[in-house]
């Protein structure tokens, strides 16, 4: 079981962020299927840690860009 600060992200459905560059060098993946949280990870290191944000905080951040 992969955990990030005690949160199981094994069932996360990851997608590449639309803000990632098209050269596959600077890519961020976001999971959208975990209620109440939005994990974010580096696509070059999918087995590494994920940052986990409350979904509302993530939405406010993305909408402020």
PDB file of N, CA and C in Angstrom:
ATOM      1  N   UNK A   1       0.845  -1.171   0.000  1.00  0.00           N
ATOM      2  CA  UNK A   1       0.000   0.000   0.000  1.00  0.00           C
ATOM      3  C   UNK A   1       0.894   1.238   0.000  1.00  0.00           C
ATOM      4  N   UNK A   2       0.737   2.110  -0.992  1.00  0.00           N
ATOM      5  CA  UNK A   2       1.485   3.357  -1.046  1.00  0.00           C
ATOM      6  C   UNK A   2       0.763   4.400  -0.214  1.00  0.00           C
ATOM      7  N   UNK A   3       1.482   4.992   0.711  1.00  0.00           N
ATOM      8  CA  UNK A   3       0.872   6.001   1.568  1.00  0.00           C
ATOM      9  C   UNK A   3       1.674   7.286   1.510  1.00  0.00           C
ATOM     10  N   UNK A   4       0.990   8.389   1.625  1.00  0.00           N
ATOM     11  CA  UNK A   4       1.586   9.699   1.748  1.00  0.00           C
ATOM     12  C   UNK A   4       1.040  10.301   3.030  1.00  0.00           C
ATOM     13  N   UNK A   5       1.898  10.396   4.033  1.00  0.00           N
ATOM     14  CA  UNK A   5       1.478  10.900   5.358  1.00  0.00           C
ATOM     15  C   UNK A   5       0.245  10.173   5.868  1.00  0.00           C
ATOM     16  N   UNK A   6       0.234   8.853   5.730  1.00  0.00           N
ATOM     17  CA  UNK A   6      -0.858   8.054   6.258  1.00  0.00           C
ATOM     18  C   UNK A   6      -2.087   7.973   5.361  1.00  0.00           C
ATOM     19  N   UNK A   7      -2.049   8.600   4.198  1.00  0.00           N
ATOM     20  CA  UNK A   7      -3.179   8.574   3.270  1.00  0.00           C
ATOM     21  C   UNK A   7      -2.861   7.576   2.156  1.00  0.00           C
ATOM     22  N   UNK A   8      -3.725   6.596   1.962  1.00  0.00           N
ATOM     23  CA  UNK A   8      -3.536   5.577   0.932  1.00  0.00           C
ATOM     24  C   UNK A   8      -3.895   6.160  -0.433  1.00  0.00           C
ATOM     25  N   UNK A   9      -2.916   6.208  -1.333  1.00  0.00           N
ATOM     26  CA  UNK A   9      -3.165   6.729  -2.675  1.00  0.00           C
ATOM     27  C   UNK A   9      -3.061   5.634  -3.750  1.00  0.00           C
ATOM     28  N   UNK A  10      -3.123   4.355  -3.316  1.00  0.00           N
ATOM     29  CA  UNK A  10      -3.057   3.244  -4.272  1.00  0.00           C
ATOM     30  C   UNK A  10      -4.190   3.284  -5.296  1.00  0.00           C
ATOM     31  N   UNK A  11      -5.353   3.724  -4.897  1.00  0.00           N
ATOM     32  CA  UNK A  11      -6.496   3.724  -5.809  1.00  0.00           C
ATOM     33  C   UNK A  11      -6.642   5.037  -6.575  1.00  0.00           C
ATOM     34  N   UNK A  12      -5.641   5.896  -6.492  1.00  0.00           N
ATOM     35  CA  UNK A  12      -5.713   7.186  -7.182  1.00  0.00           C
ATOM     36  C   UNK A  12      -5.724   6.988  -8.692  1.00  0.00           C
ATOM     37  N   UNK A  13      -6.582   7.730  -9.373  1.00  0.00           N
ATOM     38  CA  UNK A  13      -6.635   7.748 -10.837  1.00  0.00           C
ATOM     39  C   UNK A  13      -5.885   9.001 -11.284  1.00  0.00           C
ATOM     40  N   UNK A  14      -4.646   8.808 -11.725  1.00  0.00           N
ATOM     41  CA  UNK A  14      -3.772   9.930 -12.059  1.00  0.00           C
ATOM     42  C   UNK A  14      -4.001  10.409 -13.486  1.00  0.00           C
ATOM     43  N   UNK A  15      -3.878  11.722 -13.682  1.00  0.00           N
ATOM     44  CA  UNK A  15      -3.908  12.322 -15.020  1.00  0.00           C
ATOM     45  C   UNK A  15      -2.870  13.422 -15.059  1.00  0.00           C
ATOM     46  N   UNK A  16      -2.316  13.657 -16.220  1.00  0.00           N
ATOM     47  CA  UNK A  16      -1.324  14.709 -16.369  1.00  0.00           C
ATOM     48  C   UNK A  16      -2.011  16.069 -16.333  1.00  0.00           C
ATOM     49  N   UNK A  17      -1.468  16.989 -15.572  1.00  0.00           N
ATOM     50  CA  UNK A  17      -2.020  18.323 -15.471  1.00  0.00           C
ATOM     51  C   UNK A  17      -1.935  19.053 -16.803  1.00  0.00           C
ATOM     52  N   UNK A  18      -2.954  19.837 -17.110  1.00  0.00           N
ATOM     53  CA  UNK A  18      -2.928  20.629 -18.339  1.00  0.00           C
ATOM     54  C   UNK A  18      -1.874  21.731 -18.264  1.00  0.00           C
ATOM     55  N   UNK A  19      -1.335  21.980 -17.081  1.00  0.00           N
ATOM     56  CA  UNK A  19      -0.290  22.988 -16.911  1.00  0.00           C
ATOM     57  C   UNK A  19       1.105  22.404 -17.126  1.00  0.00           C
ATOM     58  N   UNK A  20       1.222  21.101 -17.354  1.00  0.00           N
ATOM     59  CA  UNK A  20       2.513  20.480 -17.613  1.00  0.00           C
ATOM     60  C   UNK A  20       2.967  20.830 -19.020  1.00  0.00           C
ATOM     61  N   UNK A  21       4.296  20.845 -19.231  1.00  0.00           N
ATOM     62  CA  UNK A  21       4.759  21.183 -20.577  1.00  0.00           C
ATOM     63  C   UNK A  21       4.618  19.987 -21.507  1.00  0.00           C
ATOM     64  N   UNK A  22       4.614  20.254 -22.783  1.00  0.00           N
ATOM     65  CA  UNK A  22       4.380  19.192 -23.774  1.00  0.00           C
ATOM     66  C   UNK A  22       5.636  18.391 -24.092  1.00  0.00           C
ATOM     67  N   UNK A  23       6.782  18.766 -23.551  1.00  0.00           N
ATOM     68  CA  UNK A  23       8.036  18.062 -23.823  1.00  0.00           C
ATOM     69  C   UNK A  23       8.243  16.889 -22.875  1.00  0.00           C
ATOM     70  N   UNK A  24       7.339  16.643 -21.968  1.00  0.00           N
ATOM     71  CA  UNK A  24       7.404  15.558 -20.981  1.00  0.00           C
ATOM     72  C   UNK A  24       8.533  15.752 -19.974  1.00  0.00           C
ATOM     73  N   UNK A  25       9.027  16.964 -19.848  1.00  0.00           N
ATOM     74  CA  UNK A  25      10.101  17.224 -18.898  1.00  0.00           C
ATOM     75  C   UNK A  25       9.602  17.722 -17.548  1.00  0.00           C
ATOM     76  N   UNK A  26       8.682  18.620 -17.554  1.00  0.00           N
ATOM     77  CA  UNK A  26       8.152  19.217 -16.326  1.00  0.00           C
ATOM     78  C   UNK A  26       6.686  18.816 -16.196  1.00  0.00           C
ATOM     79  N   UNK A  27       6.445  17.620 -15.697  1.00  0.00           N
ATOM     80  CA  UNK A  27       5.080  17.095 -15.673  1.00  0.00           C
ATOM     81  C   UNK A  27       4.584  16.855 -14.259  1.00  0.00           C
ATOM     82  N   UNK A  28       3.395  17.314 -14.022  1.00  0.00           N
ATOM     83  CA  UNK A  28       2.722  17.118 -12.756  1.00  0.00           C
ATOM     84  C   UNK A  28       1.488  16.278 -13.021  1.00  0.00           C
ATOM     85  N   UNK A  29       1.255  15.283 -12.173  1.00  0.00           N
ATOM     86  CA  UNK A  29       0.048  14.482 -12.278  1.00  0.00           C
ATOM     87  C   UNK A  29      -0.834  14.750 -11.069  1.00  0.00           C
ATOM     88  N   UNK A  30      -2.134  14.741 -11.317  1.00  0.00           N
ATOM     89  CA  UNK A  30      -3.126  15.030 -10.295  1.00  0.00           C
ATOM     90  C   UNK A  30      -4.124  13.877 -10.259  1.00  0.00           C
ATOM     91  N   UNK A  31      -4.501  13.451  -9.070  1.00  0.00           N
ATOM     92  CA  UNK A  31      -5.542  12.424  -8.931  1.00  0.00           C
ATOM     93  C   UNK A  31      -6.859  13.125  -8.613  1.00  0.00           C
ATOM     94  N   UNK A  32      -7.915  12.651  -9.223  1.00  0.00           N
ATOM     95  CA  UNK A  32      -9.205  13.341  -9.114  1.00  0.00           C
ATOM     96  C   UNK A  32     -10.314  12.477  -8.530  1.00  0.00           C
ATOM     97  N   UNK A  33      -9.996  11.285  -8.068  1.00  0.00           N
ATOM     98  CA  UNK A  33     -11.071  10.375  -7.664  1.00  0.00           C
ATOM     99  C   UNK A  33     -11.097  10.050  -6.176  1.00  0.00           C
ATOM    100  N   UNK A  34     -10.369  10.777  -5.363  1.00  0.00           N
ATOM    101  CA  UNK A  34     -10.342  10.502  -3.924  1.00  0.00           C
ATOM    102  C   UNK A  34     -11.131  11.586  -3.197  1.00  0.00           C
ATOM    103  N   UNK A  35     -12.229  11.219  -2.568  1.00  0.00           N
ATOM    104  CA  UNK A  35     -13.116  12.204  -1.951  1.00  0.00           C
ATOM    105  C   UNK A  35     -12.407  13.091  -0.926  1.00  0.00           C
ATOM    106  N   UNK A  36     -12.528  14.394  -1.139  1.00  0.00           N
ATOM    107  CA  UNK A  36     -12.040  15.364  -0.168  1.00  0.00           C
ATOM    108  C   UNK A  36     -10.570  15.721  -0.272  1.00  0.00           C
ATOM    109  N   UNK A  37      -9.799  14.955  -1.060  1.00  0.00           N
ATOM    110  CA  UNK A  37      -8.370  15.249  -1.197  1.00  0.00           C
ATOM    111  C   UNK A  37      -7.957  15.228  -2.667  1.00  0.00           C
ATOM    112  N   UNK A  38      -6.899  15.962  -2.973  1.00  0.00           N
ATOM    113  CA  UNK A  38      -6.326  15.967  -4.314  1.00  0.00           C
ATOM    114  C   UNK A  38      -4.831  15.733  -4.200  1.00  0.00           C
ATOM    115  N   UNK A  39      -4.373  14.506  -4.458  1.00  0.00           N
ATOM    116  CA  UNK A  39      -2.939  14.236  -4.468  1.00  0.00           C
ATOM    117  C   UNK A  39      -2.300  14.763  -5.757  1.00  0.00           C
ATOM    118  N   UNK A  40      -1.054  15.234  -5.627  1.00  0.00           N
ATOM    119  CA  UNK A  40      -0.291  15.760  -6.753  1.00  0.00           C
ATOM    120  C   UNK A  40       1.093  15.125  -6.684  1.00  0.00           C
ATOM    121  N   UNK A  41       1.619  14.668  -7.831  1.00  0.00           N
ATOM    122  CA  UNK A  41       2.938  14.035  -7.835  1.00  0.00           C
ATOM    123  C   UNK A  41       3.721  14.423  -9.088  1.00  0.00           C
ATOM    124  N   UNK A  42       5.007  14.157  -9.048  1.00  0.00           N
ATOM    125  CA  UNK A  42       5.904  14.355 -10.181  1.00  0.00           C
ATOM    126  C   UNK A  42       5.778  13.132 -11.083  1.00  0.00           C
ATOM    127  N   UNK A  43       5.417  13.322 -12.328  1.00  0.00           N
ATOM    128  CA  UNK A  43       5.214  12.175 -13.221  1.00  0.00           C
ATOM    129  C   UNK A  43       6.509  11.426 -13.512  1.00  0.00           C
ATOM    130  N   UNK A  44       7.647  12.065 -13.331  1.00  0.00           N
ATOM    131  CA  UNK A  44       8.923  11.382 -13.554  1.00  0.00           C
ATOM    132  C   UNK A  44       9.267  10.442 -12.407  1.00  0.00           C
ATOM    133  N   UNK A  45       8.546  10.549 -11.297  1.00  0.00           N
ATOM    134  CA  UNK A  45       8.791   9.713 -10.122  1.00  0.00           C
ATOM    135  C   UNK A  45       7.455   9.207  -9.566  1.00  0.00           C
ATOM    136  N   UNK A  46       6.730   8.386 -10.333  1.00  0.00           N
ATOM    137  CA  UNK A  46       5.392   7.964  -9.907  1.00  0.00           C
ATOM    138  C   UNK A  46       5.370   7.124  -8.635  1.00  0.00           C
ATOM    139  N   UNK A  47       6.481   6.514  -8.281  1.00  0.00           N
ATOM    140  CA  UNK A  47       6.534   5.730  -7.043  1.00  0.00           C
ATOM    141  C   UNK A  47       6.954   6.588  -5.845  1.00  0.00           C
ATOM    142  N   UNK A  48       7.295   7.830  -6.109  1.00  0.00           N
ATOM    143  CA  UNK A  48       7.715   8.733  -5.042  1.00  0.00           C
ATOM    144  C   UNK A  48       6.522   9.305  -4.288  1.00  0.00           C
ATOM    145  N   UNK A  49       6.782  10.230  -3.397  1.00  0.00           N
ATOM    146  CA  UNK A  49       5.715  10.800  -2.578  1.00  0.00           C
ATOM    147  C   UNK A  49       4.794  11.709  -3.390  1.00  0.00           C
ATOM    148  N   UNK A  50       3.615  11.896  -2.864  1.00  0.00           N
ATOM    149  CA  UNK A  50       2.649  12.829  -3.449  1.00  0.00           C
ATOM    150  C   UNK A  50       2.342  13.896  -2.409  1.00  0.00           C
ATOM    151  N   UNK A  51       2.117  15.099  -2.877  1.00  0.00           N
ATOM    152  CA  UNK A  51       1.603  16.148  -2.001  1.00  0.00           C
ATOM    153  C   UNK A  51       0.089  15.988  -1.987  1.00  0.00           C
ATOM    154  N   UNK A  52      -0.524  16.108  -0.831  1.00  0.00           N
ATOM    155  CA  UNK A  52      -1.968  15.916  -0.723  1.00  0.00           C
ATOM    156  C   UNK A  52      -2.599  17.200  -0.208  1.00  0.00           C
ATOM    157  N   UNK A  53      -3.547  17.718  -0.987  1.00  0.00           N
ATOM    158  CA  UNK A  53      -4.231  18.961  -0.656  1.00  0.00           C
ATOM    159  C   UNK A  53      -5.717  18.693  -0.448  1.00  0.00           C
ATOM    160  N   UNK A  54      -6.366  19.469   0.426  1.00  0.00           N
ATOM    161  CA  UNK A  54      -7.834  19.391   0.463  1.00  0.00           C
ATOM    162  C   UNK A  54      -8.353  19.806  -0.921  1.00  0.00           C
ATOM    163  N   UNK A  55      -9.359  19.117  -1.414  1.00  0.00           N
ATOM    164  CA  UNK A  55      -9.864  19.387  -2.762  1.00  0.00           C
ATOM    165  C   UNK A  55     -10.245  20.847  -2.951  1.00  0.00           C
ATOM    166  N   UNK A  56     -10.881  21.439  -1.968  1.00  0.00           N
ATOM    167  CA  UNK A  56     -11.283  22.853  -2.091  1.00  0.00           C
ATOM    168  C   UNK A  56     -10.067  23.761  -2.216  1.00  0.00           C
ATOM    169  N   UNK A  57      -9.017  23.503  -1.453  1.00  0.00           N
ATOM    170  CA  UNK A  57      -7.801  24.319  -1.529  1.00  0.00           C
ATOM    171  C   UNK A  57      -7.150  24.180  -2.906  1.00  0.00           C
ATOM    172  N   UNK A  58      -7.107  22.949  -3.437  1.00  0.00           N
ATOM    173  CA  UNK A  58      -6.524  22.732  -4.762  1.00  0.00           C
ATOM    174  C   UNK A  58      -7.322  23.487  -5.823  1.00  0.00           C
ATOM    175  N   UNK A  59      -8.647  23.403  -5.747  1.00  0.00           N
ATOM    176  CA  UNK A  59      -9.497  24.095  -6.722  1.00  0.00           C
ATOM    177  C   UNK A  59      -9.285  25.615  -6.658  1.00  0.00           C
ATOM    178  N   UNK A  60      -9.181  26.163  -5.453  1.00  0.00           N
ATOM    179  CA  UNK A  60      -8.933  27.603  -5.315  1.00  0.00           C
ATOM    180  C   UNK A  60      -7.585  27.975  -5.923  1.00  0.00           C
ATOM    181  N   UNK A  61      -6.564  27.164  -5.692  1.00  0.00           N
ATOM    182  CA  UNK A  61      -5.243  27.413  -6.256  1.00  0.00           C
ATOM    183  C   UNK A  61      -5.290  27.388  -7.778  1.00  0.00           C
ATOM    184  N   UNK A  62      -5.841  26.332  -8.356  1.00  0.00           N
ATOM    185  CA  UNK A  62      -5.882  26.211  -9.823  1.00  0.00           C
ATOM    186  C   UNK A  62      -6.697  27.337 -10.441  1.00  0.00           C
ATOM    187  N   UNK A  63      -7.806  27.690  -9.832  1.00  0.00           N
ATOM    188  CA  UNK A  63      -8.653  28.748 -10.395  1.00  0.00           C
ATOM    189  C   UNK A  63      -8.061  30.143 -10.243  1.00  0.00           C
ATOM    190  N   UNK A  64      -7.034  30.282  -9.404  1.00  0.00           N
ATOM    191  CA  UNK A  64      -6.416  31.591  -9.234  1.00  0.00           C
ATOM    192  C   UNK A  64      -5.319  31.846 -10.263  1.00  0.00           C
ATOM    193  N   UNK A  65      -4.940  30.827 -11.027  1.00  0.00           N
ATOM    194  CA  UNK A  65      -3.854  30.983 -12.004  1.00  0.00           C
ATOM    195  C   UNK A  65      -4.287  31.749 -13.222  1.00  0.00           C
TER     196      UNK A  65
END
